[in-house]
Amino acid sequence: MKKFTQLLVDRLNVFLGNTLVKPSSDEELEQAEILNSIHLALHKKAAVHVIYSKQKSITGEIVKWDDRHKQLIVKNFRKNITAIIRFRTIQKISLVPEGIRVTQKKYKKNNLIS
């Protein structure tokens, strides 16, 4: 009960403006957004386009997200290149539309057969 009343007092103080709430920094929000995109791509099993360290990029499927080491392992569509990307070097990540993913896989099959 004591913790509950303390929580209420703290919230009331913030509401009345007696104390300031520390705003989240832009970097923290950006990292949270990147992490949410990674988890969404893993859940949907979707392809991603990742821009990381000094304008390098890769488009492919996420093989693994290592939460302990904060590393993302991505396998490229065409060249079978696998990249291990540290979380702190990721600048932007976006999901790739399903149509592009299907086209890339068909292109890969056609080139292997020829």
PDB file of N, CA and C in Angstrom:
ATOM      1  N   MET A   1       0.815  -1.184   0.000  1.00  0.00           N
ATOM      2  CA  MET A   1       0.000   0.000   0.000  1.00  0.00           C
ATOM      3  C   MET A   1       0.865   1.256   0.000  1.00  0.00           C
ATOM      4  N   LYS A   2       1.989   1.176   0.700  1.00  0.00           N
ATOM      5  CA  LYS A   2       2.879   2.321   0.777  1.00  0.00           C
ATOM      6  C   LYS A   2       3.476   2.638  -0.599  1.00  0.00           C
ATOM      7  N   LYS A   3       3.836   1.599  -1.343  1.00  0.00           N
ATOM      8  CA  LYS A   3       4.382   1.800  -2.684  1.00  0.00           C
ATOM      9  C   LYS A   3       3.327   2.405  -3.611  1.00  0.00           C
ATOM     10  N   PHE A   4       2.100   1.958  -3.446  1.00  0.00           N
ATOM     11  CA  PHE A   4       1.008   2.458  -4.272  1.00  0.00           C
ATOM     12  C   PHE A   4       0.783   3.947  -4.036  1.00  0.00           C
ATOM     13  N   THR A   5       0.762   4.349  -2.765  1.00  0.00           N
ATOM     14  CA  THR A   5       0.554   5.771  -2.460  1.00  0.00           C
ATOM     15  C   THR A   5       1.743   6.609  -2.926  1.00  0.00           C
ATOM     16  N   GLN A   6       2.936   6.058  -2.815  1.00  0.00           N
ATOM     17  CA  GLN A   6       4.125   6.773  -3.289  1.00  0.00           C
ATOM     18  C   GLN A   6       4.049   6.973  -4.805  1.00  0.00           C
ATOM     19  N   LEU A   7       3.596   5.962  -5.530  1.00  0.00           N
ATOM     20  CA  LEU A   7       3.425   6.062  -6.966  1.00  0.00           C
ATOM     21  C   LEU A   7       2.398   7.139  -7.318  1.00  0.00           C
ATOM     22  N   LEU A   8       1.297   7.169  -6.570  1.00  0.00           N
ATOM     23  CA  LEU A   8       0.280   8.189  -6.802  1.00  0.00           C
ATOM     24  C   LEU A   8       0.818   9.596  -6.545  1.00  0.00           C
ATOM     25  N   VAL A   9       1.585   9.742  -5.484  1.00  0.00           N
ATOM     26  CA  VAL A   9       2.164  11.051  -5.155  1.00  0.00           C
ATOM     27  C   VAL A   9       3.139  11.480  -6.261  1.00  0.00           C
ATOM     28  N   ASP A  10       3.952  10.553  -6.726  1.00  0.00           N
ATOM     29  CA  ASP A  10       4.895  10.870  -7.802  1.00  0.00           C
ATOM     30  C   ASP A  10       4.170  11.308  -9.071  1.00  0.00           C
ATOM     31  N   ARG A  11       3.133  10.574  -9.438  1.00  0.00           N
ATOM     32  CA  ARG A  11       2.352  10.918 -10.646  1.00  0.00           C
ATOM     33  C   ARG A  11       1.654  12.268 -10.490  1.00  0.00           C
ATOM     34  N   LEU A  12       1.157  12.521  -9.307  1.00  0.00           N
ATOM     35  CA  LEU A  12       0.489  13.791  -9.040  1.00  0.00           C
ATOM     36  C   LEU A  12       1.475  14.952  -9.150  1.00  0.00           C
ATOM     37  N   ASN A  13       2.688  14.757  -8.620  1.00  0.00           N
ATOM     38  CA  ASN A  13       3.714  15.789  -8.715  1.00  0.00           C
ATOM     39  C   ASN A  13       4.091  16.078 -10.165  1.00  0.00           C
ATOM     40  N   VAL A  14       4.196  15.031 -10.967  1.00  0.00           N
ATOM     41  CA  VAL A  14       4.508  15.216 -12.378  1.00  0.00           C
ATOM     42  C   VAL A  14       3.365  15.956 -13.061  1.00  0.00           C
ATOM     43  N   PHE A  15       2.132  15.577 -12.739  1.00  0.00           N
ATOM     44  CA  PHE A  15       0.959  16.206 -13.340  1.00  0.00           C
ATOM     45  C   PHE A  15       0.877  17.692 -12.985  1.00  0.00           C
ATOM     46  N   LEU A  16       1.176  18.012 -11.742  1.00  0.00           N
ATOM     47  CA  LEU A  16       1.104  19.395 -11.295  1.00  0.00           C
ATOM     48  C   LEU A  16       2.316  20.223 -11.723  1.00  0.00           C
ATOM     49  N   GLY A  17       3.333  19.561 -12.212  1.00  0.00           N
ATOM     50  CA  GLY A  17       4.505  20.290 -12.679  1.00  0.00           C
ATOM     51  C   GLY A  17       5.530  20.529 -11.596  1.00  0.00           C
ATOM     52  N   ASN A  18       5.428  19.849 -10.473  1.00  0.00           N
ATOM     53  CA  ASN A  18       6.392  20.021  -9.384  1.00  0.00           C
ATOM     54  C   ASN A  18       7.725  19.349  -9.698  1.00  0.00           C
ATOM     55  N   THR A  19       7.692  18.310 -10.507  1.00  0.00           N
ATOM     56  CA  THR A  19       8.926  17.635 -10.907  1.00  0.00           C
ATOM     57  C   THR A  19       8.903  17.475 -12.420  1.00  0.00           C
ATOM     58  N   LEU A  20      10.060  17.406 -12.992  1.00  0.00           N
ATOM     59  CA  LEU A  20      10.180  17.255 -14.436  1.00  0.00           C
ATOM     60  C   LEU A  20      10.437  15.791 -14.782  1.00  0.00           C
ATOM     61  N   VAL A  21       9.781  15.344 -15.818  1.00  0.00           N
ATOM     62  CA  VAL A  21      10.029  14.007 -16.337  1.00  0.00           C
ATOM     63  C   VAL A  21      11.139  14.117 -17.361  1.00  0.00           C
ATOM     64  N   LYS A  22      12.140  13.258 -17.230  1.00  0.00           N
ATOM     65  CA  LYS A  22      13.259  13.285 -18.162  1.00  0.00           C
ATOM     66  C   LYS A  22      12.778  12.797 -19.530  1.00  0.00           C
ATOM     67  N   PRO A  23      12.844  13.664 -20.535  1.00  0.00           N
ATOM     68  CA  PRO A  23      12.400  13.224 -21.865  1.00  0.00           C
ATOM     69  C   PRO A  23      13.394  12.228 -22.459  1.00  0.00           C
ATOM     70  N   SER A  24      12.874  11.296 -23.220  1.00  0.00           N
ATOM     71  CA  SER A  24      13.735  10.331 -23.885  1.00  0.00           C
ATOM     72  C   SER A  24      14.524  11.035 -24.970  1.00  0.00           C
ATOM     73  N   SER A  25      15.768  10.648 -25.116  1.00  0.00           N
ATOM     74  CA  SER A  25      16.585  11.267 -26.144  1.00  0.00           C
ATOM     75  C   SER A  25      16.203  10.705 -27.507  1.00  0.00           C
ATOM     76  N   ASP A  26      16.538  11.441 -28.540  1.00  0.00           N
ATOM     77  CA  ASP A  26      16.247  10.998 -29.897  1.00  0.00           C
ATOM     78  C   ASP A  26      16.944   9.679 -30.209  1.00  0.00           C
ATOM     79  N   GLU A  27      18.156   9.512 -29.691  1.00  0.00           N
ATOM     80  CA  GLU A  27      18.917   8.291 -29.948  1.00  0.00           C
ATOM     81  C   GLU A  27      18.220   7.074 -29.328  1.00  0.00           C
ATOM     82  N   GLU A  28      17.697   7.228 -28.123  1.00  0.00           N
ATOM     83  CA  GLU A  28      16.986   6.124 -27.479  1.00  0.00           C
ATOM     84  C   GLU A  28      15.728   5.750 -28.261  1.00  0.00           C
ATOM     85  N   LEU A  29      15.005   6.760 -28.745  1.00  0.00           N
ATOM     86  CA  LEU A  29      13.806   6.499 -29.532  1.00  0.00           C
ATOM     87  C   LEU A  29      14.148   5.820 -30.851  1.00  0.00           C
ATOM     88  N   GLU A  30      15.233   6.246 -31.467  1.00  0.00           N
ATOM     89  CA  GLU A  30      15.664   5.660 -32.730  1.00  0.00           C
ATOM     90  C   GLU A  30      16.061   4.197 -32.540  1.00  0.00           C
ATOM     91  N   GLN A  31      16.791   3.904 -31.464  1.00  0.00           N
ATOM     92  CA  GLN A  31      17.193   2.529 -31.183  1.00  0.00           C
ATOM     93  C   GLN A  31      15.990   1.648 -30.890  1.00  0.00           C
ATOM     94  N   ALA A  32      15.015   2.183 -30.183  1.00  0.00           N
ATOM     95  CA  ALA A  32      13.800   1.425 -29.899  1.00  0.00           C
ATOM     96  C   ALA A  32      13.035   1.129 -31.185  1.00  0.00           C
ATOM     97  N   GLU A  33      12.997   2.097 -32.086  1.00  0.00           N
ATOM     98  CA  GLU A  33      12.317   1.901 -33.367  1.00  0.00           C
ATOM     99  C   GLU A  33      13.013   0.829 -34.201  1.00  0.00           C
ATOM    100  N   ILE A  34      14.342   0.850 -34.220  1.00  0.00           N
ATOM    101  CA  ILE A  34      15.107  -0.165 -34.952  1.00  0.00           C
ATOM    102  C   ILE A  34      14.861  -1.543 -34.355  1.00  0.00           C
ATOM    103  N   LEU A  35      14.879  -1.631 -33.038  1.00  0.00           N
ATOM    104  CA  LEU A  35      14.645  -2.909 -32.372  1.00  0.00           C
ATOM    105  C   LEU A  35      13.235  -3.428 -32.641  1.00  0.00           C
ATOM    106  N   ASN A  36      12.255  -2.536 -32.650  1.00  0.00           N
ATOM    107  CA  ASN A  36      10.884  -2.933 -32.977  1.00  0.00           C
ATOM    108  C   ASN A  36      10.785  -3.449 -34.405  1.00  0.00           C
ATOM    109  N   SER A  37      11.488  -2.812 -35.334  1.00  0.00           N
ATOM    110  CA  SER A  37      11.485  -3.265 -36.729  1.00  0.00           C
ATOM    111  C   SER A  37      12.113  -4.644 -36.863  1.00  0.00           C
ATOM    112  N   ILE A  38      13.168  -4.896 -36.108  1.00  0.00           N
ATOM    113  CA  ILE A  38      13.819  -6.212 -36.141  1.00  0.00           C
ATOM    114  C   ILE A  38      12.863  -7.282 -35.634  1.00  0.00           C
ATOM    115  N   HIS A  39      12.219  -7.011 -34.505  1.00  0.00           N
ATOM    116  CA  HIS A  39      11.290  -7.994 -33.948  1.00  0.00           C
ATOM    117  C   HIS A  39      10.081  -8.211 -34.855  1.00  0.00           C
ATOM    118  N   LEU A  40       9.607  -7.153 -35.504  1.00  0.00           N
ATOM    119  CA  LEU A  40       8.490  -7.277 -36.437  1.00  0.00           C
ATOM    120  C   LEU A  40       8.886  -8.135 -37.640  1.00  0.00           C
ATOM    121  N   ALA A  41      10.079  -7.906 -38.176  1.00  0.00           N
ATOM    122  CA  ALA A  41      10.554  -8.689 -39.316  1.00  0.00           C
ATOM    123  C   ALA A  41      10.732 -10.160 -38.938  1.00  0.00           C
ATOM    124  N   LEU A  42      11.214 -10.408 -37.735  1.00  0.00           N
ATOM    125  CA  LEU A  42      11.359 -11.793 -37.277  1.00  0.00           C
ATOM    126  C   LEU A  42       9.996 -12.461 -37.130  1.00  0.00           C
ATOM    127  N   HIS A  43       9.045 -11.724 -36.594  1.00  0.00           N
ATOM    128  CA  HIS A  43       7.705 -12.269 -36.392  1.00  0.00           C
ATOM    129  C   HIS A  43       7.021 -12.568 -37.722  1.00  0.00           C
ATOM    130  N   LYS A  44       7.146 -11.648 -38.685  1.00  0.00           N
ATOM    131  CA  LYS A  44       6.512 -11.820 -39.989  1.00  0.00           C
ATOM    132  C   LYS A  44       7.336 -12.681 -40.937  1.00  0.00           C
ATOM    133  N   LYS A  45       8.583 -12.974 -40.551  1.00  0.00           N
ATOM    134  CA  LYS A  45       9.544 -13.670 -41.414  1.00  0.00           C
ATOM    135  C   LYS A  45       9.694 -12.913 -42.732  1.00  0.00           C
ATOM    136  N   ALA A  46       9.810 -11.604 -42.615  1.00  0.00           N
ATOM    137  CA  ALA A  46       9.906 -10.720 -43.769  1.00  0.00           C
ATOM    138  C   ALA A  46      11.362 -10.379 -44.062  1.00  0.00           C
ATOM    139  N   ALA A  47      11.614  -9.978 -45.291  1.00  0.00           N
ATOM    140  CA  ALA A  47      12.938  -9.523 -45.685  1.00  0.00           C
ATOM    141  C   ALA A  47      13.125  -8.080 -45.221  1.00  0.00           C
ATOM    142  N   VAL A  48      14.380  -7.690 -45.053  1.00  0.00           N
ATOM    143  CA  VAL A  48      14.693  -6.344 -44.579  1.00  0.00           C
ATOM    144  C   VAL A  48      15.790  -5.719 -45.427  1.00  0.00           C
ATOM    145  N   HIS A  49      15.812  -4.405 -45.421  1.00  0.00           N
ATOM    146  CA  HIS A  49      16.909  -3.636 -46.006  1.00  0.00           C
ATOM    147  C   HIS A  49      17.567  -2.893 -44.848  1.00  0.00           C
ATOM    148  N   VAL A  50      18.841  -3.170 -44.626  1.00  0.00           N
ATOM    149  CA  VAL A  50      19.557  -2.598 -43.489  1.00  0.00           C
ATOM    150  C   VAL A  50      20.674  -1.687 -43.997  1.00  0.00           C
ATOM    151  N   ILE A  51      20.689  -0.457 -43.502  1.00  0.00           N
ATOM    152  CA  ILE A  51      21.786   0.471 -43.766  1.00  0.00           C
ATOM    153  C   ILE A  51      22.583   0.553 -42.478  1.00  0.00           C
ATOM    154  N   TYR A  52      23.875   0.261 -42.581  1.00  0.00           N
ATOM    155  CA  TYR A  52      24.711   0.228 -41.383  1.00  0.00           C
ATOM    156  C   TYR A  52      26.074   0.824 -41.691  1.00  0.00           C
ATOM    157  N   SER A  53      26.850   1.034 -40.691  1.00  0.00           N
ATOM    158  CA  SER A  53      28.179   1.644 -40.679  1.00  0.00           C
ATOM    159  C   SER A  53      28.667   2.227 -41.998  1.00  0.00           C
ATOM    160  N   LYS A  54      28.877   3.483 -42.016  1.00  0.00           N
ATOM    161  CA  LYS A  54      29.486   4.212 -43.139  1.00  0.00           C
ATOM    162  C   LYS A  54      28.854   3.863 -44.489  1.00  0.00           C
ATOM    163  N   GLN A  55      27.526   3.899 -44.565  1.00  0.00           N
ATOM    164  CA  GLN A  55      26.758   3.751 -45.799  1.00  0.00           C
ATOM    165  C   GLN A  55      26.867   2.375 -46.463  1.00  0.00           C
ATOM    166  N   LYS A  56      27.107   1.329 -45.708  1.00  0.00           N
ATOM    167  CA  LYS A  56      27.010  -0.027 -46.244  1.00  0.00           C
ATOM    168  C   LYS A  56      25.563  -0.457 -46.107  1.00  0.00           C
ATOM    169  N   SER A  57      25.130  -1.352 -47.000  1.00  0.00           N
ATOM    170  CA  SER A  57      23.758  -1.829 -46.902  1.00  0.00           C
ATOM    171  C   SER A  57      23.660  -3.267 -47.402  1.00  0.00           C
ATOM    172  N   ILE A  58      22.604  -3.924 -46.959  1.00  0.00           N
ATOM    173  CA  ILE A  58      22.328  -5.292 -47.379  1.00  0.00           C
ATOM    174  C   ILE A  58      20.812  -5.488 -47.367  1.00  0.00           C
ATOM    175  N   THR A  59      20.337  -6.231 -48.347  1.00  0.00           N
ATOM    176  CA  THR A  59      18.924  -6.575 -48.412  1.00  0.00           C
ATOM    177  C   THR A  59      18.827  -8.090 -48.394  1.00  0.00           C
ATOM    178  N   GLY A  60      18.042  -8.611 -47.468  1.00  0.00           N
ATOM    179  CA  GLY A  60      17.912 -10.061 -47.369  1.00  0.00           C
ATOM    180  C   GLY A  60      17.036 -10.462 -46.207  1.00  0.00           C
ATOM    181  N   GLU A  61      17.151 -11.727 -45.853  1.00  0.00           N
ATOM    182  CA  GLU A  61      16.347 -12.280 -44.769  1.00  0.00           C
ATOM    183  C   GLU A  61      17.163 -12.332 -43.486  1.00  0.00           C
ATOM    184  N   ILE A  62      16.485 -12.097 -42.386  1.00  0.00           N
ATOM    185  CA  ILE A  62      17.156 -12.191 -41.087  1.00  0.00           C
ATOM    186  C   ILE A  62      17.308 -13.659 -40.739  1.00  0.00           C
ATOM    187  N   VAL A  63      18.541 -14.071 -40.528  1.00  0.00           N
ATOM    188  CA  VAL A  63      18.815 -15.441 -40.129  1.00  0.00           C
ATOM    189  C   VAL A  63      18.644 -15.579 -38.624  1.00  0.00           C
ATOM    190  N   LYS A  64      19.191 -14.593 -37.892  1.00  0.00           N
ATOM    191  CA  LYS A  64      19.153 -14.683 -36.425  1.00  0.00           C
ATOM    192  C   LYS A  64      19.344 -13.301 -35.818  1.00  0.00           C
ATOM    193  N   TRP A  65      18.688 -13.098 -34.690  1.00  0.00           N
ATOM    194  CA  TRP A  65      18.919 -11.910 -33.863  1.00  0.00           C
ATOM    195  C   TRP A  65      19.508 -12.411 -32.558  1.00  0.00           C
ATOM    196  N   ASP A  66      20.758 -12.043 -32.292  1.00  0.00           N
ATOM    197  CA  ASP A  66      21.445 -12.447 -31.074  1.00  0.00           C
ATOM    198  C   ASP A  66      21.249 -11.350 -30.039  1.00  0.00           C
ATOM    199  N   ASP A  67      20.336 -11.594 -29.112  1.00  0.00           N
ATOM    200  CA  ASP A  67      19.991 -10.574 -28.125  1.00  0.00           C
ATOM    201  C   ASP A  67      21.123 -10.349 -27.125  1.00  0.00           C
ATOM    202  N   ARG A  68      21.881 -11.388 -26.851  1.00  0.00           N
ATOM    203  CA  ARG A  68      22.958 -11.271 -25.874  1.00  0.00           C
ATOM    204  C   ARG A  68      24.091 -10.377 -26.393  1.00  0.00           C
ATOM    205  N   HIS A  69      24.475 -10.567 -27.654  1.00  0.00           N
ATOM    206  CA  HIS A  69      25.559  -9.776 -28.230  1.00  0.00           C
ATOM    207  C   HIS A  69      25.062  -8.573 -29.020  1.00  0.00           C
ATOM    208  N   LYS A  70      23.737  -8.425 -29.124  1.00  0.00           N
ATOM    209  CA  LYS A  70      23.122  -7.336 -29.890  1.00  0.00           C
ATOM    210  C   LYS A  70      23.642  -7.326 -31.329  1.00  0.00           C
ATOM    211  N   GLN A  71      23.518  -8.497 -31.989  1.00  0.00           N
ATOM    212  CA  GLN A  71      23.963  -8.635 -33.363  1.00  0.00           C
ATOM    213  C   GLN A  71      22.833  -9.172 -34.220  1.00  0.00           C
ATOM    214  N   LEU A  72      22.789  -8.703 -35.450  1.00  0.00           N
ATOM    215  CA  LEU A  72      21.803  -9.129 -36.427  1.00  0.00           C
ATOM    216  C   LEU A  72      22.549  -9.865 -37.532  1.00  0.00           C
ATOM    217  N   ILE A  73      22.073 -11.059 -37.877  1.00  0.00           N
ATOM    218  CA  ILE A  73      22.689 -11.844 -38.944  1.00  0.00           C
ATOM    219  C   ILE A  73      21.706 -11.867 -40.109  1.00  0.00           C
ATOM    220  N   VAL A  74      22.140 -11.318 -41.250  1.00  0.00           N
ATOM    221  CA  VAL A  74      21.284 -11.186 -42.432  1.00  0.00           C
ATOM    222  C   VAL A  74      21.935 -11.910 -43.607  1.00  0.00           C
ATOM    223  N   LYS A  75      21.131 -12.695 -44.335  1.00  0.00           N
ATOM    224  CA  LYS A  75      21.609 -13.404 -45.524  1.00  0.00           C
ATOM    225  C   LYS A  75      21.043 -12.719 -46.754  1.00  0.00           C
ATOM    226  N   ASN A  76      21.920 -12.374 -47.690  1.00  0.00           N
ATOM    227  CA  ASN A  76      21.544 -11.688 -48.918  1.00  0.00           C
ATOM    228  C   ASN A  76      20.774 -12.637 -49.835  1.00  0.00           C
ATOM    229  N   PHE A  77      19.932 -12.079 -50.710  1.00  0.00           N
ATOM    230  CA  PHE A  77      19.146 -12.894 -51.641  1.00  0.00           C
ATOM    231  C   PHE A  77      20.001 -13.527 -52.721  1.00  0.00           C
ATOM    232  N   ARG A  78      20.722 -12.719 -53.446  1.00  0.00           N
ATOM    233  CA  ARG A  78      21.378 -13.176 -54.663  1.00  0.00           C
ATOM    234  C   ARG A  78      22.729 -13.844 -54.440  1.00  0.00           C
ATOM    235  N   LYS A  79      23.595 -13.206 -53.717  1.00  0.00           N
ATOM    236  CA  LYS A  79      24.993 -13.629 -53.663  1.00  0.00           C
ATOM    237  C   LYS A  79      25.300 -14.604 -52.535  1.00  0.00           C
ATOM    238  N   ASN A  80      24.288 -14.957 -51.764  1.00  0.00           N
ATOM    239  CA  ASN A  80      24.479 -15.817 -50.601  1.00  0.00           C
ATOM    240  C   ASN A  80      25.530 -15.270 -49.648  1.00  0.00           C
ATOM    241  N   ILE A  81      25.544 -13.966 -49.516  1.00  0.00           N
ATOM    242  CA  ILE A  81      26.446 -13.304 -48.574  1.00  0.00           C
ATOM    243  C   ILE A  81      25.716 -13.164 -47.247  1.00  0.00           C
ATOM    244  N   THR A  82      26.405 -13.500 -46.182  1.00  0.00           N
ATOM    245  CA  THR A  82      25.842 -13.340 -44.855  1.00  0.00           C
ATOM    246  C   THR A  82      26.613 -12.237 -44.142  1.00  0.00           C
ATOM    247  N   ALA A  83      25.875 -11.318 -43.532  1.00  0.00           N
ATOM    248  CA  ALA A  83      26.507 -10.206 -42.814  1.00  0.00           C
ATOM    249  C   ALA A  83      26.124 -10.273 -41.345  1.00  0.00           C
ATOM    250  N   ILE A  84      27.096 -10.077 -40.492  1.00  0.00           N
ATOM    251  CA  ILE A  84      26.864  -9.963 -39.059  1.00  0.00           C
ATOM    252  C   ILE A  84      26.969  -8.479 -38.722  1.00  0.00           C
ATOM    253  N   ILE A  85      25.851  -7.902 -38.302  1.00  0.00           N
ATOM    254  CA  ILE A  85      25.773  -6.459 -38.087  1.00  0.00           C
ATOM    255  C   ILE A  85      25.523  -6.176 -36.618  1.00  0.00           C
ATOM    256  N   ARG A  86      26.376  -5.382 -36.022  1.00  0.00           N
ATOM    257  CA  ARG A  86      26.171  -4.981 -34.631  1.00  0.00           C
ATOM    258  C   ARG A  86      25.045  -3.963 -34.552  1.00  0.00           C
ATOM    259  N   PHE A  87      24.265  -4.041 -33.481  1.00  0.00           N
ATOM    260  CA  PHE A  87      23.086  -3.186 -33.328  1.00  0.00           C
ATOM    261  C   PHE A  87      23.446  -1.714 -33.325  1.00  0.00           C
ATOM    262  N   ARG A  88      24.541  -1.359 -32.688  1.00  0.00           N
ATOM    263  CA  ARG A  88      24.891   0.063 -32.567  1.00  0.00           C
ATOM    264  C   ARG A  88      25.317   0.677 -33.902  1.00  0.00           C
ATOM    265  N   THR A  89      25.655  -0.157 -34.912  1.00  0.00           N
ATOM    266  CA  THR A  89      26.059   0.383 -36.210  1.00  0.00           C
ATOM    267  C   THR A  89      24.889   0.536 -37.176  1.00  0.00           C
ATOM    268  N   ILE A  90      23.720  -0.006 -36.821  1.00  0.00           N
ATOM    269  CA  ILE A  90      22.557   0.085 -37.707  1.00  0.00           C
ATOM    270  C   ILE A  90      22.032   1.514 -37.687  1.00  0.00           C
ATOM    271  N   GLN A  91      21.931   2.105 -38.883  1.00  0.00           N
ATOM    272  CA  GLN A  91      21.406   3.452 -39.004  1.00  0.00           C
ATOM    273  C   GLN A  91      19.935   3.442 -39.367  1.00  0.00           C
ATOM    274  N   LYS A  92      19.540   2.504 -40.223  1.00  0.00           N
ATOM    275  CA  LYS A  92      18.150   2.422 -40.643  1.00  0.00           C
ATOM    276  C   LYS A  92      17.840   0.993 -41.060  1.00  0.00           C
ATOM    277  N   ILE A  93      16.629   0.560 -40.754  1.00  0.00           N
ATOM    278  CA  ILE A  93      16.181  -0.759 -41.172  1.00  0.00           C
ATOM    279  C   ILE A  93      14.726  -0.633 -41.610  1.00  0.00           C
ATOM    280  N   SER A  94      14.404  -1.280 -42.724  1.00  0.00           N
ATOM    281  CA  SER A  94      13.032  -1.229 -43.209  1.00  0.00           C
ATOM    282  C   SER A  94      12.646  -2.579 -43.799  1.00  0.00           C
ATOM    283  N   LEU A  95      11.368  -2.889 -43.713  1.00  0.00           N
ATOM    284  CA  LEU A  95      10.870  -4.135 -44.262  1.00  0.00           C
ATOM    285  C   LEU A  95      10.778  -4.017 -45.781  1.00  0.00           C
ATOM    286  N   VAL A  96      11.089  -5.113 -46.460  1.00  0.00           N
ATOM    287  CA  VAL A  96      11.016  -5.161 -47.912  1.00  0.00           C
ATOM    288  C   VAL A  96       9.647  -5.721 -48.292  1.00  0.00           C
ATOM    289  N   PRO A  97       8.978  -5.119 -49.285  1.00  0.00           N
ATOM    290  CA  PRO A  97       7.680  -5.642 -49.711  1.00  0.00           C
ATOM    291  C   PRO A  97       7.777  -7.096 -50.185  1.00  0.00           C
ATOM    292  N   GLU A  98       6.719  -7.850 -49.968  1.00  0.00           N
ATOM    293  CA  GLU A  98       6.706  -9.280 -50.291  1.00  0.00           C
ATOM    294  C   GLU A  98       6.955  -9.528 -51.778  1.00  0.00           C
ATOM    295  N   GLY A  99       6.457  -8.650 -52.647  1.00  0.00           N
ATOM    296  CA  GLY A  99       6.646  -8.824 -54.088  1.00  0.00           C
ATOM    297  C   GLY A  99       8.108  -8.829 -54.489  1.00  0.00           C
ATOM    298  N   ILE A 100       8.887  -7.968 -53.892  1.00  0.00           N
ATOM    299  CA  ILE A 100      10.322  -7.909 -54.199  1.00  0.00           C
ATOM    300  C   ILE A 100      11.016  -9.172 -53.703  1.00  0.00           C
ATOM    301  N   ARG A 101      10.612  -9.649 -52.559  1.00  0.00           N
ATOM    302  CA  ARG A 101      11.201 -10.864 -52.004  1.00  0.00           C
ATOM    303  C   ARG A 101      10.948 -12.050 -52.936  1.00  0.00           C
ATOM    304  N   VAL A 102       9.718 -12.187 -53.428  1.00  0.00           N
ATOM    305  CA  VAL A 102       9.368 -13.294 -54.323  1.00  0.00           C
ATOM    306  C   VAL A 102      10.141 -13.181 -55.630  1.00  0.00           C
ATOM    307  N   THR A 103      10.239 -11.963 -56.166  1.00  0.00           N
ATOM    308  CA  THR A 103      10.965 -11.742 -57.411  1.00  0.00           C
ATOM    309  C   THR A 103      12.436 -12.099 -57.267  1.00  0.00           C
ATOM    310  N   GLN A 104      13.040 -11.720 -56.171  1.00  0.00           N
ATOM    311  CA  GLN A 104      14.454 -12.019 -55.945  1.00  0.00           C
ATOM    312  C   GLN A 104      14.694 -13.521 -55.874  1.00  0.00           C
ATOM    313  N   LYS A 105      13.784 -14.242 -55.218  1.00  0.00           N
ATOM    314  CA  LYS A 105      13.942 -15.695 -55.114  1.00  0.00           C
ATOM    315  C   LYS A 105      13.783 -16.363 -56.480  1.00  0.00           C
ATOM    316  N   LYS A 106      12.829 -15.873 -57.303  1.00  0.00           N
ATOM    317  CA  LYS A 106      12.651 -16.420 -58.652  1.00  0.00           C
ATOM    318  C   LYS A 106      13.882 -16.141 -59.501  1.00  0.00           C
ATOM    319  N   TYR A 107      14.429 -14.948 -59.406  1.00  0.00           N
ATOM    320  CA  TYR A 107      15.613 -14.572 -60.159  1.00  0.00           C
ATOM    321  C   TYR A 107      16.785 -15.485 -59.787  1.00  0.00           C
ATOM    322  N   LYS A 108      16.906 -15.786 -58.514  1.00  0.00           N
ATOM    323  CA  LYS A 108      17.978 -16.642 -58.038  1.00  0.00           C
ATOM    324  C   LYS A 108      17.823 -18.053 -58.611  1.00  0.00           C
ATOM    325  N   LYS A 109      16.594 -18.589 -58.604  1.00  0.00           N
ATOM    326  CA  LYS A 109      16.352 -19.922 -59.156  1.00  0.00           C
ATOM    327  C   LYS A 109      16.640 -19.973 -60.648  1.00  0.00           C
ATOM    328  N   ASN A 110      16.211 -18.956 -61.391  1.00  0.00           N
ATOM    329  CA  ASN A 110      16.422 -18.924 -62.835  1.00  0.00           C
ATOM    330  C   ASN A 110      17.899 -18.859 -63.182  1.00  0.00           C
ATOM    331  N   ASN A 111      18.666 -18.138 -62.420  1.00  0.00           N
ATOM    332  CA  ASN A 111      20.113 -18.045 -62.675  1.00  0.00           C
ATOM    333  C   ASN A 111      20.827 -19.337 -62.319  1.00  0.00           C
ATOM    334  N   LEU A 112      20.346 -20.072 -61.338  1.00  0.00           N
ATOM    335  CA  LEU A 112      20.981 -21.344 -60.981  1.00  0.00           C
ATOM    336  C   LEU A 112      20.697 -22.407 -62.034  1.00  0.00           C
ATOM    337  N   ILE A 113      19.523 -22.373 -62.626  1.00  0.00           N
ATOM    338  CA  ILE A 113      19.136 -23.355 -63.643  1.00  0.00           C
ATOM    339  C   ILE A 113      19.879 -23.088 -64.941  1.00  0.00           C
ATOM    340  N   SER A 114      20.060 -21.837 -65.325  1.00  0.00           N
ATOM    341  CA  SER A 114      20.699 -21.477 -66.613  1.00  0.00           C
ATOM    342  C   SER A 114      22.150 -21.852 -66.662  1.00  0.00           C
TER     343      SER A 114
END
